[in-house]
Amino acid sequence: MKDGFADALRDENIAFEEKHGSLYITISQQKVARYIEIAQNFVQPGKWNEVIGTRWSFVFGPRDAAEWNSAEAEKKILARCHELEPNVCGKRTLMEMLWAVEFYRDALYHAEYGAMINSGEFNGTPGASAKREVIEWLEKKGMGKGAITYRLRDWLISRQRYWGAPIPIVYCPEHGQVPVPDDQLPVKLPDDVAWKPTGESPLKLHPKWAKTKCPICKKPATRDTDTMDTFMCSSWYHLRYLSPNYDGGPFDPKEFDYWMPVDAYTGGVEHATMHLIYTRFFHKALRDMGVAKGDEPMAQLRNQGQILGPDGQRMSKSRGNVIDPDEQVRKYGADTVRAYLMFGYRWADGGPWGTENIEGVSRWLNRVWGIAEVRGQKSEGGSQKAEAEARELKRVTHQTIKKVSDDFEAYEFNTIVSALMVLTNALHKYRETTEGAPEWDEAVSTLLKLMAPATPHIAEELWARRGMPYSIHAQSWPEYDAAAAAEEVVTLAVQVNGKVRDRVTVPASLSEAEMQAAALASETIQKYLQGKTPQKVIVVPGKLVSVVV
């Protein structure tokens, strides 16, 4: 860059850092346009400057900048691919979509663990198991052994407050700290405390509660007026919830056997190093005491992301970027906002608030309403076309059951709504030939059941309008039929030297050899082969035939 560039940035309050002879610049979204104007005036001839993010800008000179928004481009490309090919609706990124094609895998980078390379006998070992296998190898060779490193931290459990678990200790002038005997447990809090701004626990000011007798000498003693912090209760409340009215112990063992362990624990990433540590400690202590069973209280931890302000920062009154959910609900309706939050953001990631797609969710729900309402008319049916479309509708229905069920289990809620839109489109497409047929009724009922967790009010209302038994939330989850979901035909992309040159539709039941033969028989492909014999043909069943000449 030309001299004076840094001074120009300072004048605009654009933060930067000088490292290794370069400027590392952090630009807020609001100042990107101004930065590009400055950069255009200071870039050296024959050089360029780039702004990197989901929106990229390459600055080449005065009035010469090229924009590329990778996030927006990916959204548009994915949307078109989802529209053209329902089977890829579950793919969240272009890389994930392409990775599903085995032929591409060697050419793609990936963020997950890959296979080991340059590692002798371990070459090709999947990354997920590599650590374990290498440790086992080192142990066999006597060169090392596996170990778990703990990062222990203190837990300050006392608080100068009223509402918490009392510390069961009394202070005796003669015997010092004396535990409260088991037959006097639990120590119960008083209901008539005085709230005064003394800086001390209200328990210390109570006229009677703190005064007691020493369990040993029976002389006057004082209870501990501190209480334990909230983690002391929250570390085992899930166990008490099993049977809150049970008097025979902390929880009913029968209820424990039925419900535990907890299927899924959701919370922020900080829970793994705070609350879950304490919860696991409680559980393992109860296990060692013979009160609880099993090694773990929770089967899995699911971290959730956070909805940020439109500026990409955490919502804060001081920043002025707080979005009022009540206002959004008044404008769009609770179900629309809920479905949009599921559709627009991955559970684990979150992201900046925006309303670019909420209108699309609203249109989808209006479309569902029109489809699900009973019109009092039935299609004629009986024709070959009607029977074929009924089979196709049933196929899409069961593919959607599979997709939505799997995504709920994986907490991939954003792709659930995409799958429901695919089923909605199929209902709209085949309405004239299938409405009133068993396949139609099954598809509509299934759609409403699958929607119910995301849009409970609309699903309940439409369920009732269709004369179904109350309530939709008490119905069984739709059962997946793999045979009904199976494709009758598949469309194969046919590549020649890495470029797609044709697409051929063939029966799904064909073998790999038959799919290869069908692809090579294409007149279009024959033109590209020019009479040459293929050196190599790779078949990805049901998806791709790649020819190398």
Protein backbone atom coordinates (compact mmCIF):
# COMPACT_ATOMS: atom_id res chain seq x y z
CA MET A 1 0.00 0.00 0.00
CA LYS A 2 1.12 3.61 -0.54
CA ASP A 3 2.44 5.77 2.29
CA GLY A 4 -0.25 7.32 4.46
CA PHE A 5 -2.51 4.26 4.45
CA ALA A 6 -2.16 3.68 8.21
CA ASP A 7 -2.86 7.35 8.95
CA ALA A 8 -6.01 7.20 6.84
CA LEU A 9 -7.20 4.19 8.83
CA ARG A 10 -6.57 6.00 12.12
CA ASP A 11 -8.58 8.98 10.91
CA GLU A 12 -11.54 6.65 10.32
CA ASN A 13 -11.07 4.86 13.69
CA ILE A 14 -10.46 1.56 11.89
CA ALA A 15 -8.48 -0.71 14.20
CA PHE A 16 -5.33 -2.41 12.90
CA GLU A 17 -2.23 -4.16 14.16
CA GLU A 18 1.27 -4.11 12.65
CA LYS A 19 2.85 -7.58 12.43
CA HIS A 20 5.64 -8.94 10.23
CA GLY A 21 5.68 -5.78 8.14
CA SER A 22 1.96 -5.99 7.38
CA LEU A 23 -1.20 -4.40 8.72
CA TYR A 24 -3.81 -6.77 10.17
CA ILE A 25 -7.05 -4.83 10.08
CA THR A 26 -10.30 -5.57 11.89
CA ILE A 27 -13.26 -3.93 10.21
CA SER A 28 -16.80 -3.70 11.55
CA GLN A 29 -19.54 -4.46 9.04
CA GLN A 30 -20.59 -0.81 9.07
CA LYS A 31 -17.13 0.37 7.93
CA VAL A 32 -16.35 -2.16 5.20
CA ALA A 33 -17.57 0.14 2.43
CA ARG A 34 -15.51 3.07 3.75
CA TYR A 35 -12.43 0.85 4.12
CA ILE A 36 -12.73 -0.24 0.49
CA GLU A 37 -12.85 3.42 -0.59
CA ILE A 38 -9.65 4.11 1.36
CA ALA A 39 -7.90 0.98 0.08
CA GLN A 40 -8.74 1.85 -3.52
CA ASN A 41 -6.85 5.14 -3.14
CA PHE A 42 -3.77 3.65 -1.47
CA VAL A 43 -3.23 0.31 -3.24
CA GLN A 44 -0.01 0.19 -5.26
CA PRO A 45 -0.32 -0.27 -9.05
CA GLY A 46 -0.08 -3.93 -9.95
CA LYS A 47 -0.99 -5.01 -6.39
CA TRP A 48 -4.24 -5.75 -4.64
CA ASN A 49 -5.74 -5.78 -1.16
CA GLU A 50 -8.37 -8.20 0.02
CA VAL A 51 -11.12 -8.07 2.66
CA ILE A 52 -11.76 -11.60 3.89
CA GLY A 53 -14.89 -12.96 5.57
CA THR A 54 -18.09 -14.48 4.31
CA ARG A 55 -18.12 -11.35 2.15
CA TRP A 56 -14.84 -10.98 0.25
CA SER A 57 -13.66 -7.83 -1.50
CA PHE A 58 -10.62 -7.65 -3.79
CA VAL A 59 -9.37 -4.08 -4.21
CA PHE A 60 -7.25 -3.49 -7.31
CA GLY A 61 -7.21 0.30 -7.63
CA PRO A 62 -9.36 3.45 -7.79
CA ARG A 63 -12.98 2.51 -8.57
CA ASP A 64 -11.80 -1.05 -9.14
CA ALA A 65 -13.03 -3.59 -6.56
CA ALA A 66 -14.59 -7.03 -7.00
CA GLU A 67 -17.11 -8.38 -4.48
CA TRP A 68 -17.84 -11.98 -3.58
CA ASN A 69 -20.15 -12.94 -0.72
CA SER A 70 -19.37 -16.61 -0.13
CA ALA A 71 -22.18 -17.10 2.39
CA GLU A 72 -24.80 -15.61 0.08
CA ALA A 73 -23.42 -17.46 -2.94
CA GLU A 74 -23.51 -20.74 -1.05
CA LYS A 75 -27.10 -20.09 0.09
CA LYS A 76 -28.23 -19.47 -3.49
CA ILE A 77 -26.43 -22.51 -4.89
CA LEU A 78 -27.69 -24.77 -2.10
CA ALA A 79 -31.24 -23.49 -2.54
CA ARG A 80 -31.15 -24.38 -6.25
CA CYS A 81 -29.61 -27.79 -5.56
CA HIS A 82 -32.23 -28.50 -2.87
CA GLU A 83 -34.96 -27.53 -5.32
CA LEU A 84 -33.59 -29.72 -8.11
CA GLU A 85 -32.61 -32.72 -5.99
CA PRO A 86 -34.68 -33.52 -2.86
CA ASN A 87 -32.10 -36.12 -1.80
CA VAL A 88 -29.60 -33.38 -0.93
CA CYS A 89 -32.02 -31.28 1.15
CA GLY A 90 -30.32 -32.45 4.32
CA LYS A 91 -26.94 -31.07 3.26
CA ARG A 92 -26.07 -27.84 5.08
CA THR A 93 -23.08 -26.76 2.99
CA LEU A 94 -21.77 -27.29 -0.52
CA MET A 95 -18.79 -29.22 0.86
CA GLU A 96 -21.11 -31.55 2.76
CA MET A 97 -23.19 -32.07 -0.38
CA LEU A 98 -20.15 -32.84 -2.54
CA TRP A 99 -18.58 -35.04 0.15
CA ALA A 100 -21.57 -37.37 -0.15
CA VAL A 101 -20.31 -38.21 -3.66
CA GLU A 102 -17.49 -40.69 -3.06
CA PHE A 103 -15.77 -39.80 -6.32
CA TYR A 104 -15.13 -36.24 -5.07
CA ARG A 105 -13.73 -37.05 -1.66
CA ASP A 106 -10.06 -37.11 -2.54
CA ALA A 107 -10.41 -33.66 -4.08
CA LEU A 108 -12.12 -31.96 -1.11
CA TYR A 109 -10.72 -30.54 2.08
CA HIS A 110 -12.78 -31.22 5.18
CA ALA A 111 -13.03 -29.84 8.71
CA GLU A 112 -13.60 -33.17 10.45
CA TYR A 113 -10.95 -35.77 11.28
CA GLY A 114 -9.49 -37.22 8.10
CA ALA A 115 -7.56 -40.45 7.58
CA MET A 116 -3.93 -40.71 8.65
CA ILE A 117 -1.20 -40.19 6.02
CA ASN A 118 2.60 -40.45 6.10
CA SER A 119 2.23 -42.72 9.14
CA GLY A 120 3.57 -46.10 8.04
CA GLU A 121 1.30 -48.95 9.03
CA PHE A 122 -1.32 -46.45 10.21
CA ASN A 123 -1.87 -44.95 6.76
CA GLY A 124 -5.60 -44.86 6.05
CA THR A 125 -6.61 -45.21 9.71
CA PRO A 126 -9.78 -43.11 10.26
CA GLY A 127 -9.05 -40.04 12.36
CA ALA A 128 -11.83 -40.80 14.81
CA SER A 129 -10.04 -43.99 15.93
CA ALA A 130 -6.44 -42.97 15.20
CA LYS A 131 -5.62 -41.69 18.68
CA ARG A 132 -6.80 -44.89 20.36
CA GLU A 133 -4.97 -47.17 17.90
CA VAL A 134 -1.70 -45.22 18.15
CA ILE A 135 -1.85 -45.31 21.96
CA GLU A 136 -2.46 -49.07 21.88
CA TRP A 137 0.53 -49.48 19.53
CA LEU A 138 2.78 -47.41 21.83
CA GLU A 139 1.71 -49.45 24.85
CA LYS A 140 2.46 -52.74 23.08
CA LYS A 141 5.90 -51.42 22.13
CA GLY A 142 6.53 -50.27 25.70
CA MET A 143 7.11 -46.75 24.43
CA GLY A 144 4.31 -45.00 26.29
CA LYS A 145 0.85 -45.35 27.72
CA GLY A 146 -2.46 -43.53 27.62
CA ALA A 147 -3.41 -41.19 30.44
CA ILE A 148 -6.22 -38.83 31.34
CA THR A 149 -5.19 -35.36 32.50
CA TYR A 150 -7.64 -33.66 34.83
CA ARG A 151 -7.87 -29.92 35.32
CA LEU A 152 -9.21 -29.75 38.85
CA ARG A 153 -10.72 -26.52 40.11
CA ASP A 154 -12.01 -25.45 43.50
CA TRP A 155 -15.73 -25.22 44.14
CA LEU A 156 -16.72 -22.50 46.59
CA ILE A 157 -20.05 -23.80 47.84
CA SER A 158 -20.91 -21.30 50.62
CA ARG A 159 -23.09 -18.25 50.04
CA GLN A 160 -24.31 -15.49 52.34
CA ARG A 161 -27.92 -15.79 51.28
CA TYR A 162 -31.15 -17.31 52.41
CA TRP A 163 -32.59 -19.65 49.83
CA GLY A 164 -30.13 -22.48 49.45
CA ALA A 165 -29.34 -25.87 50.92
CA PRO A 166 -28.37 -25.32 54.62
CA ILE A 167 -24.90 -26.46 55.66
CA PRO A 168 -25.62 -29.15 58.32
CA ILE A 169 -23.05 -27.97 60.86
CA VAL A 170 -23.51 -26.44 64.32
CA TYR A 171 -20.86 -24.44 66.15
CA CYS A 172 -20.38 -25.38 69.79
CA PRO A 173 -18.15 -23.29 72.14
CA GLU A 174 -16.85 -26.52 73.66
CA HIS A 175 -16.72 -29.01 70.75
CA GLY A 176 -16.27 -26.68 67.79
CA GLN A 177 -17.80 -27.73 64.46
CA VAL A 178 -20.22 -30.60 64.96
CA PRO A 179 -22.19 -32.31 62.13
CA VAL A 180 -25.97 -32.41 62.51
CA PRO A 181 -26.95 -36.04 63.33
CA ASP A 182 -28.59 -38.05 60.54
CA ASP A 183 -31.87 -38.33 62.45
CA GLN A 184 -32.16 -34.52 62.46
CA LEU A 185 -31.74 -34.17 58.71
CA PRO A 186 -32.75 -32.44 56.59
CA VAL A 187 -32.20 -29.05 58.18
CA LYS A 188 -35.19 -27.00 57.06
CA LEU A 189 -35.17 -23.28 56.30
CA PRO A 190 -37.57 -20.96 58.15
CA ASP A 191 -40.41 -19.31 56.25
CA ASP A 192 -40.39 -16.02 58.19
CA VAL A 193 -37.08 -14.34 57.45
CA ALA A 194 -36.54 -10.58 57.52
CA TRP A 195 -34.96 -8.99 54.46
CA LYS A 196 -32.63 -6.24 55.66
CA PRO A 197 -29.67 -4.67 53.81
CA THR A 198 -27.05 -5.74 56.34
CA GLY A 199 -24.77 -7.58 53.94
CA GLU A 200 -25.34 -10.76 55.91
CA SER A 201 -27.59 -13.75 55.36
CA PRO A 202 -31.18 -13.25 56.61
CA LEU A 203 -30.69 -16.52 58.51
CA LYS A 204 -28.24 -14.82 60.85
CA LEU A 205 -30.91 -12.28 61.81
CA HIS A 206 -33.63 -14.83 62.50
CA PRO A 207 -34.52 -14.81 66.24
CA LYS A 208 -34.81 -18.59 66.59
CA TRP A 209 -33.52 -20.57 63.61
CA ALA A 210 -29.79 -20.23 64.23
CA LYS A 211 -30.12 -21.07 67.93
CA THR A 212 -29.88 -24.79 68.67
CA LYS A 213 -28.11 -27.29 70.92
CA CYS A 214 -24.87 -29.14 70.44
CA PRO A 215 -25.56 -32.78 69.47
CA ILE A 216 -22.74 -33.87 71.82
CA CYS A 217 -23.05 -31.83 75.04
CA LYS A 218 -26.59 -30.51 74.56
CA LYS A 219 -25.41 -27.01 75.45
CA PRO A 220 -26.41 -23.91 73.40
CA ALA A 221 -24.87 -23.85 69.94
CA THR A 222 -25.30 -21.93 66.68
CA ARG A 223 -26.21 -23.25 63.24
CA ASP A 224 -24.11 -22.36 60.21
CA THR A 225 -26.03 -19.49 58.61
CA ASP A 226 -24.36 -19.77 55.19
CA THR A 227 -26.08 -21.89 52.57
CA MET A 228 -24.66 -23.91 49.71
CA ASP A 229 -24.66 -22.50 46.19
CA THR A 230 -27.20 -23.37 43.50
CA PHE A 231 -25.00 -26.09 41.99
CA MET A 232 -25.52 -28.14 45.14
CA CYS A 233 -29.21 -28.42 44.24
CA SER A 234 -28.95 -28.40 40.45
CA SER A 235 -26.39 -31.21 40.52
CA TRP A 236 -29.09 -33.70 41.40
CA TYR A 237 -32.43 -32.00 40.71
CA HIS A 238 -32.98 -34.19 37.66
CA LEU A 239 -33.12 -37.13 40.06
CA ARG A 240 -35.65 -35.48 42.36
CA TYR A 241 -37.80 -34.55 39.36
CA LEU A 242 -38.32 -38.28 38.76
CA SER A 243 -40.52 -38.53 41.87
CA PRO A 244 -40.89 -35.15 43.63
CA ASN A 245 -43.38 -36.48 46.20
CA TYR A 246 -41.44 -39.63 47.10
CA ASP A 247 -40.71 -39.86 50.85
CA GLY A 248 -38.67 -43.06 50.96
CA GLY A 249 -35.42 -41.51 49.74
CA PRO A 250 -34.03 -38.91 47.35
CA PHE A 251 -35.93 -40.57 44.46
CA ASP A 252 -38.02 -43.61 43.64
CA PRO A 253 -35.67 -46.40 42.40
CA LYS A 254 -38.35 -47.67 39.99
CA GLU A 255 -38.62 -44.25 38.34
CA PHE A 256 -34.82 -44.08 38.18
CA ASP A 257 -34.65 -47.40 36.36
CA TYR A 258 -37.27 -46.24 33.85
CA TRP A 259 -36.00 -42.73 33.08
CA MET A 260 -32.26 -42.60 33.68
CA PRO A 261 -29.82 -41.75 32.26
CA VAL A 262 -30.93 -38.39 30.87
CA ASP A 263 -31.18 -38.80 27.08
CA ALA A 264 -29.76 -35.42 26.16
CA TYR A 265 -28.37 -32.49 28.12
CA THR A 266 -28.47 -29.14 26.37
CA GLY A 267 -26.56 -26.05 27.42
CA GLY A 268 -23.76 -23.70 26.54
CA VAL A 269 -20.17 -24.85 26.20
CA GLU A 270 -19.40 -23.62 29.72
CA HIS A 271 -21.58 -26.40 31.14
CA ALA A 272 -18.96 -28.99 30.28
CA THR A 273 -16.49 -27.36 32.69
CA MET A 274 -18.95 -26.30 35.40
CA HIS A 275 -22.36 -27.78 36.00
CA LEU A 276 -21.69 -31.14 34.36
CA ILE A 277 -18.55 -31.66 36.45
CA TYR A 278 -20.59 -31.23 39.63
CA THR A 279 -23.50 -33.31 38.32
CA ARG A 280 -21.19 -36.17 37.38
CA PHE A 281 -19.48 -35.96 40.78
CA PHE A 282 -22.85 -36.25 42.53
CA HIS A 283 -23.92 -39.14 40.33
CA LYS A 284 -20.71 -41.08 40.81
CA ALA A 285 -20.80 -40.48 44.57
CA LEU A 286 -24.39 -41.75 44.70
CA ARG A 287 -23.34 -44.72 42.58
CA ASP A 288 -20.51 -45.56 44.97
CA MET A 289 -22.96 -45.29 47.87
CA GLY A 290 -25.26 -47.78 46.15
CA VAL A 291 -28.05 -45.21 45.72
CA ALA A 292 -27.78 -44.67 41.94
CA LYS A 293 -26.86 -46.97 39.05
CA GLY A 294 -24.71 -46.50 35.97
CA ASP A 295 -21.54 -44.55 35.32
CA GLU A 296 -22.96 -41.45 33.67
CA PRO A 297 -26.00 -39.26 34.48
CA MET A 298 -26.32 -37.90 30.92
CA ALA A 299 -26.16 -39.90 27.68
CA GLN A 300 -25.02 -36.93 25.59
CA LEU A 301 -24.27 -33.21 25.78
CA ARG A 302 -25.62 -30.91 23.10
CA ASN A 303 -24.24 -27.37 23.08
CA GLN A 304 -26.46 -24.71 21.60
CA GLY A 305 -25.39 -21.59 19.77
CA GLN A 306 -26.70 -18.12 20.38
CA ILE A 307 -28.84 -15.78 18.31
CA LEU A 308 -26.75 -12.64 17.98
CA GLY A 309 -27.79 -9.12 17.12
CA PRO A 310 -28.07 -8.09 13.45
CA ASP A 311 -24.53 -6.70 13.73
CA GLY A 312 -23.12 -10.11 14.67
CA GLN A 313 -22.51 -9.08 18.30
CA ARG A 314 -24.14 -10.49 21.42
CA MET A 315 -27.44 -8.73 22.05
CA SER A 316 -27.01 -5.96 24.60
CA LYS A 317 -28.99 -2.88 25.56
CA SER A 318 -25.76 -0.90 25.59
CA ARG A 319 -25.12 -1.86 21.96
CA GLY A 320 -28.70 -1.12 20.97
CA ASN A 321 -28.94 -4.38 19.01
CA VAL A 322 -31.58 -6.20 21.07
CA ILE A 323 -34.38 -7.85 19.07
CA ASP A 324 -37.67 -8.04 20.99
CA PRO A 325 -39.15 -11.52 20.40
CA ASP A 326 -42.63 -10.32 21.40
CA GLU A 327 -42.55 -7.79 18.59
CA GLN A 328 -41.60 -10.49 16.08
CA VAL A 329 -44.39 -12.75 17.38
CA ARG A 330 -46.94 -9.95 17.06
CA LYS A 331 -45.83 -9.36 13.48
CA TYR A 332 -45.45 -12.93 12.21
CA GLY A 333 -47.04 -15.24 14.79
CA ALA A 334 -45.37 -17.51 17.34
CA ASP A 335 -45.24 -20.58 15.10
CA THR A 336 -43.68 -18.66 12.21
CA VAL A 337 -40.97 -17.19 14.44
CA ARG A 338 -40.27 -20.58 16.04
CA ALA A 339 -40.05 -22.35 12.68
CA TYR A 340 -37.84 -19.58 11.31
CA LEU A 341 -35.43 -19.91 14.23
CA MET A 342 -35.24 -23.64 13.53
CA PHE A 343 -34.88 -23.17 9.77
CA GLY A 344 -32.47 -20.25 9.76
CA TYR A 345 -29.90 -21.38 12.29
CA ARG A 346 -28.07 -24.55 13.23
CA TRP A 347 -28.72 -25.48 16.86
CA ALA A 348 -25.00 -25.72 17.63
CA ASP A 349 -24.02 -22.50 15.85
CA GLY A 350 -26.68 -19.81 16.12
CA GLY A 351 -25.81 -16.64 14.23
CA PRO A 352 -26.81 -13.00 13.61
CA TRP A 353 -30.52 -12.22 13.63
CA GLY A 354 -31.98 -11.41 10.23
CA THR A 355 -35.41 -11.56 8.66
CA GLU A 356 -34.37 -12.34 5.07
CA ASN A 357 -36.12 -15.74 5.06
CA ILE A 358 -38.90 -15.32 7.61
CA GLU A 359 -41.36 -14.29 4.90
CA GLY A 360 -40.59 -17.56 3.12
CA VAL A 361 -41.40 -19.53 6.28
CA SER A 362 -44.66 -17.59 6.61
CA ARG A 363 -45.58 -18.41 2.99
CA TRP A 364 -44.80 -22.08 3.62
CA LEU A 365 -47.12 -22.24 6.64
CA ASN A 366 -49.88 -20.51 4.66
CA ARG A 367 -49.40 -23.10 1.94
CA VAL A 368 -49.65 -25.91 4.50
CA TRP A 369 -52.87 -24.37 5.80
CA GLY A 370 -54.38 -24.39 2.33
CA ILE A 371 -53.31 -27.97 1.69
CA ALA A 372 -54.42 -29.39 5.05
CA GLU A 373 -57.86 -27.81 5.17
CA VAL A 374 -60.50 -30.28 3.99
CA ARG A 375 -62.00 -29.10 0.69
CA GLY A 376 -64.74 -31.69 0.61
CA GLN A 377 -63.71 -32.99 -2.77
CA LYS A 378 -61.76 -36.00 -3.94
CA SER A 379 -59.66 -36.68 -6.98
CA GLU A 380 -61.02 -39.10 -9.54
CA GLY A 381 -58.08 -41.49 -9.11
CA GLY A 382 -57.92 -44.83 -10.89
CA SER A 383 -55.84 -43.65 -13.83
CA GLN A 384 -52.31 -44.83 -14.41
CA LYS A 385 -51.06 -41.30 -13.77
CA ALA A 386 -52.98 -41.05 -10.48
CA GLU A 387 -51.61 -44.37 -9.26
CA ALA A 388 -48.05 -43.40 -10.15
CA GLU A 389 -48.36 -40.03 -8.42
CA ALA A 390 -49.92 -41.66 -5.34
CA ARG A 391 -46.91 -43.98 -5.12
CA GLU A 392 -44.57 -41.03 -5.51
CA LEU A 393 -46.38 -39.08 -2.78
CA LYS A 394 -46.12 -42.07 -0.45
CA ARG A 395 -42.43 -42.35 -1.27
CA VAL A 396 -41.77 -38.68 -0.44
CA THR A 397 -43.84 -39.05 2.75
CA HIS A 398 -41.70 -41.88 4.09
CA GLN A 399 -38.46 -40.27 2.94
CA THR A 400 -39.53 -37.22 4.95
CA ILE A 401 -40.33 -39.34 8.03
CA LYS A 402 -36.82 -40.80 7.86
CA LYS A 403 -35.16 -37.45 7.29
CA VAL A 404 -37.04 -35.56 10.01
CA SER A 405 -36.70 -38.36 12.55
CA ASP A 406 -32.95 -38.61 12.01
CA ASP A 407 -32.50 -34.85 12.15
CA PHE A 408 -34.43 -34.54 15.41
CA GLU A 409 -32.13 -37.14 16.94
CA ALA A 410 -29.08 -35.25 15.63
CA TYR A 411 -30.42 -31.80 16.66
CA GLU A 412 -30.21 -30.67 13.03
CA PHE A 413 -33.43 -28.69 13.29
CA ASN A 414 -32.64 -26.37 10.38
CA THR A 415 -32.83 -29.20 7.85
CA ILE A 416 -36.07 -30.51 9.37
CA VAL A 417 -37.98 -27.51 8.06
CA SER A 418 -36.36 -27.94 4.63
CA ALA A 419 -37.57 -31.56 4.51
CA LEU A 420 -41.09 -30.53 5.53
CA MET A 421 -41.11 -28.01 2.69
CA VAL A 422 -40.24 -30.82 0.25
CA LEU A 423 -43.24 -32.85 1.45
CA THR A 424 -45.45 -29.76 1.23
CA ASN A 425 -44.35 -29.22 -2.37
CA ALA A 426 -45.15 -32.85 -3.20
CA LEU A 427 -48.65 -32.50 -1.72
CA HIS A 428 -49.23 -29.38 -3.77
CA LYS A 429 -47.88 -31.03 -6.93
CA TYR A 430 -50.00 -34.20 -6.68
CA ARG A 431 -53.15 -32.71 -5.16
CA GLU A 432 -55.34 -32.92 -8.24
CA THR A 433 -54.78 -36.66 -8.70
CA THR A 434 -54.40 -37.87 -5.11
CA GLU A 435 -56.54 -35.70 -2.80
CA GLY A 436 -58.84 -37.93 -0.78
CA ALA A 437 -56.84 -41.07 -1.56
CA PRO A 438 -55.27 -43.00 1.35
CA GLU A 439 -51.82 -41.81 0.27
CA TRP A 440 -53.00 -38.19 0.42
CA ASP A 441 -54.53 -38.52 3.88
CA GLU A 442 -51.42 -40.30 5.17
CA ALA A 443 -49.17 -37.58 3.74
CA VAL A 444 -51.19 -34.71 5.26
CA SER A 445 -51.45 -36.39 8.67
CA THR A 446 -47.74 -37.16 8.59
CA LEU A 447 -46.88 -33.59 7.64
CA LEU A 448 -48.88 -32.20 10.57
CA LYS A 449 -47.36 -34.67 13.05
CA LEU A 450 -43.83 -33.89 11.87
CA MET A 451 -44.57 -30.16 12.05
CA ALA A 452 -46.05 -30.31 15.54
CA PRO A 453 -42.81 -29.83 17.51
CA ALA A 454 -41.90 -26.77 15.43
CA THR A 455 -45.37 -25.25 14.90
CA PRO A 456 -47.55 -26.64 17.72
CA HIS A 457 -50.45 -24.20 17.38
CA ILE A 458 -50.94 -24.45 13.62
CA ALA A 459 -50.50 -28.23 13.67
CA GLU A 460 -53.07 -28.60 16.45
CA GLU A 461 -55.59 -26.33 14.71
CA LEU A 462 -55.32 -28.09 11.34
CA TRP A 463 -55.42 -31.50 13.04
CA ALA A 464 -58.71 -30.53 14.71
CA ARG A 465 -60.15 -29.09 11.50
CA ARG A 466 -59.53 -32.41 9.80
CA GLY A 467 -61.67 -34.08 12.47
CA MET A 468 -58.81 -36.03 14.00
CA PRO A 469 -58.78 -37.16 17.66
CA TYR A 470 -57.49 -34.67 20.23
CA SER A 471 -54.64 -33.87 20.52
CA ILE A 472 -51.99 -34.06 17.81
CA HIS A 473 -49.37 -33.88 20.56
CA ALA A 474 -50.72 -37.13 22.03
CA GLN A 475 -50.40 -39.07 18.75
CA SER A 476 -47.74 -41.65 17.94
CA TRP A 477 -44.79 -40.50 15.86
CA PRO A 478 -45.11 -41.60 12.20
CA GLU A 479 -43.50 -44.97 11.45
CA TYR A 480 -40.95 -45.15 8.66
CA ASP A 481 -41.41 -47.77 5.92
CA ALA A 482 -38.14 -48.32 4.05
CA ALA A 483 -39.86 -50.21 1.24
CA ALA A 484 -42.30 -47.34 0.65
CA ALA A 485 -39.43 -44.83 0.62
CA ALA A 486 -37.33 -46.71 -1.94
CA GLU A 487 -36.84 -44.98 -5.29
CA GLU A 488 -38.13 -46.73 -8.42
CA VAL A 489 -35.82 -44.77 -10.69
CA VAL A 490 -32.67 -42.75 -10.14
CA THR A 491 -30.97 -40.08 -12.22
CA LEU A 492 -27.27 -40.62 -12.79
CA ALA A 493 -24.91 -37.74 -13.49
CA VAL A 494 -22.48 -38.91 -16.16
CA GLN A 495 -19.04 -37.31 -16.22
CA VAL A 496 -16.38 -37.45 -18.90
CA ASN A 497 -12.92 -36.49 -17.65
CA GLY A 498 -14.40 -34.81 -14.58
CA LYS A 499 -17.13 -32.76 -16.28
CA VAL A 500 -20.84 -33.63 -16.22
CA ARG A 501 -21.87 -34.21 -19.84
CA ASP A 502 -25.25 -35.91 -19.46
CA ARG A 503 -27.83 -37.26 -17.02
CA VAL A 504 -29.58 -40.58 -17.54
CA THR A 505 -32.58 -41.94 -15.67
CA VAL A 506 -32.52 -45.67 -14.95
CA PRO A 507 -34.37 -48.15 -12.71
CA ALA A 508 -33.02 -47.99 -9.15
CA SER A 509 -32.70 -51.77 -9.08
CA LEU A 510 -29.93 -51.87 -11.71
CA SER A 511 -26.54 -53.28 -10.77
CA GLU A 512 -23.39 -51.16 -11.04
CA ALA A 513 -22.49 -52.86 -14.30
CA GLU A 514 -25.94 -52.11 -15.73
CA MET A 515 -25.72 -48.47 -14.63
CA GLN A 516 -22.32 -48.22 -16.32
CA ALA A 517 -23.71 -49.73 -19.51
CA ALA A 518 -26.68 -47.32 -19.51
CA ALA A 519 -24.36 -44.33 -19.08
CA LEU A 520 -22.00 -45.42 -21.86
CA ALA A 521 -24.96 -46.07 -24.16
CA SER A 522 -26.01 -42.40 -23.98
CA GLU A 523 -25.76 -40.75 -27.40
CA THR A 524 -24.39 -37.60 -25.76
CA ILE A 525 -21.66 -39.54 -23.97
CA GLN A 526 -20.78 -41.42 -27.17
CA LYS A 527 -20.08 -38.08 -28.86
CA TYR A 528 -17.61 -37.13 -26.12
CA LEU A 529 -15.93 -40.54 -26.24
CA GLN A 530 -15.30 -40.13 -29.98
CA GLY A 531 -14.93 -43.87 -30.42
CA LYS A 532 -12.26 -44.17 -27.72
CA THR A 533 -12.32 -46.95 -25.12
CA PRO A 534 -12.62 -45.57 -21.56
CA GLN A 535 -9.48 -46.06 -19.47
CA LYS A 536 -11.49 -46.11 -16.26
CA VAL A 537 -15.16 -46.00 -15.23
CA ILE A 538 -16.21 -45.25 -11.65
CA VAL A 539 -19.81 -45.92 -10.57
CA VAL A 540 -21.37 -44.43 -7.45
CA PRO A 541 -24.63 -46.44 -7.34
CA GLY A 542 -27.70 -44.32 -7.82
CA LYS A 543 -25.74 -41.08 -8.20
CA LEU A 544 -22.80 -40.89 -10.55
CA VAL A 545 -20.92 -42.56 -13.40
CA SER A 546 -17.50 -41.02 -14.06
CA VAL A 547 -15.69 -41.91 -17.29
CA VAL A 548 -11.98 -41.28 -17.86
CA VAL A 549 -10.69 -41.43 -21.46
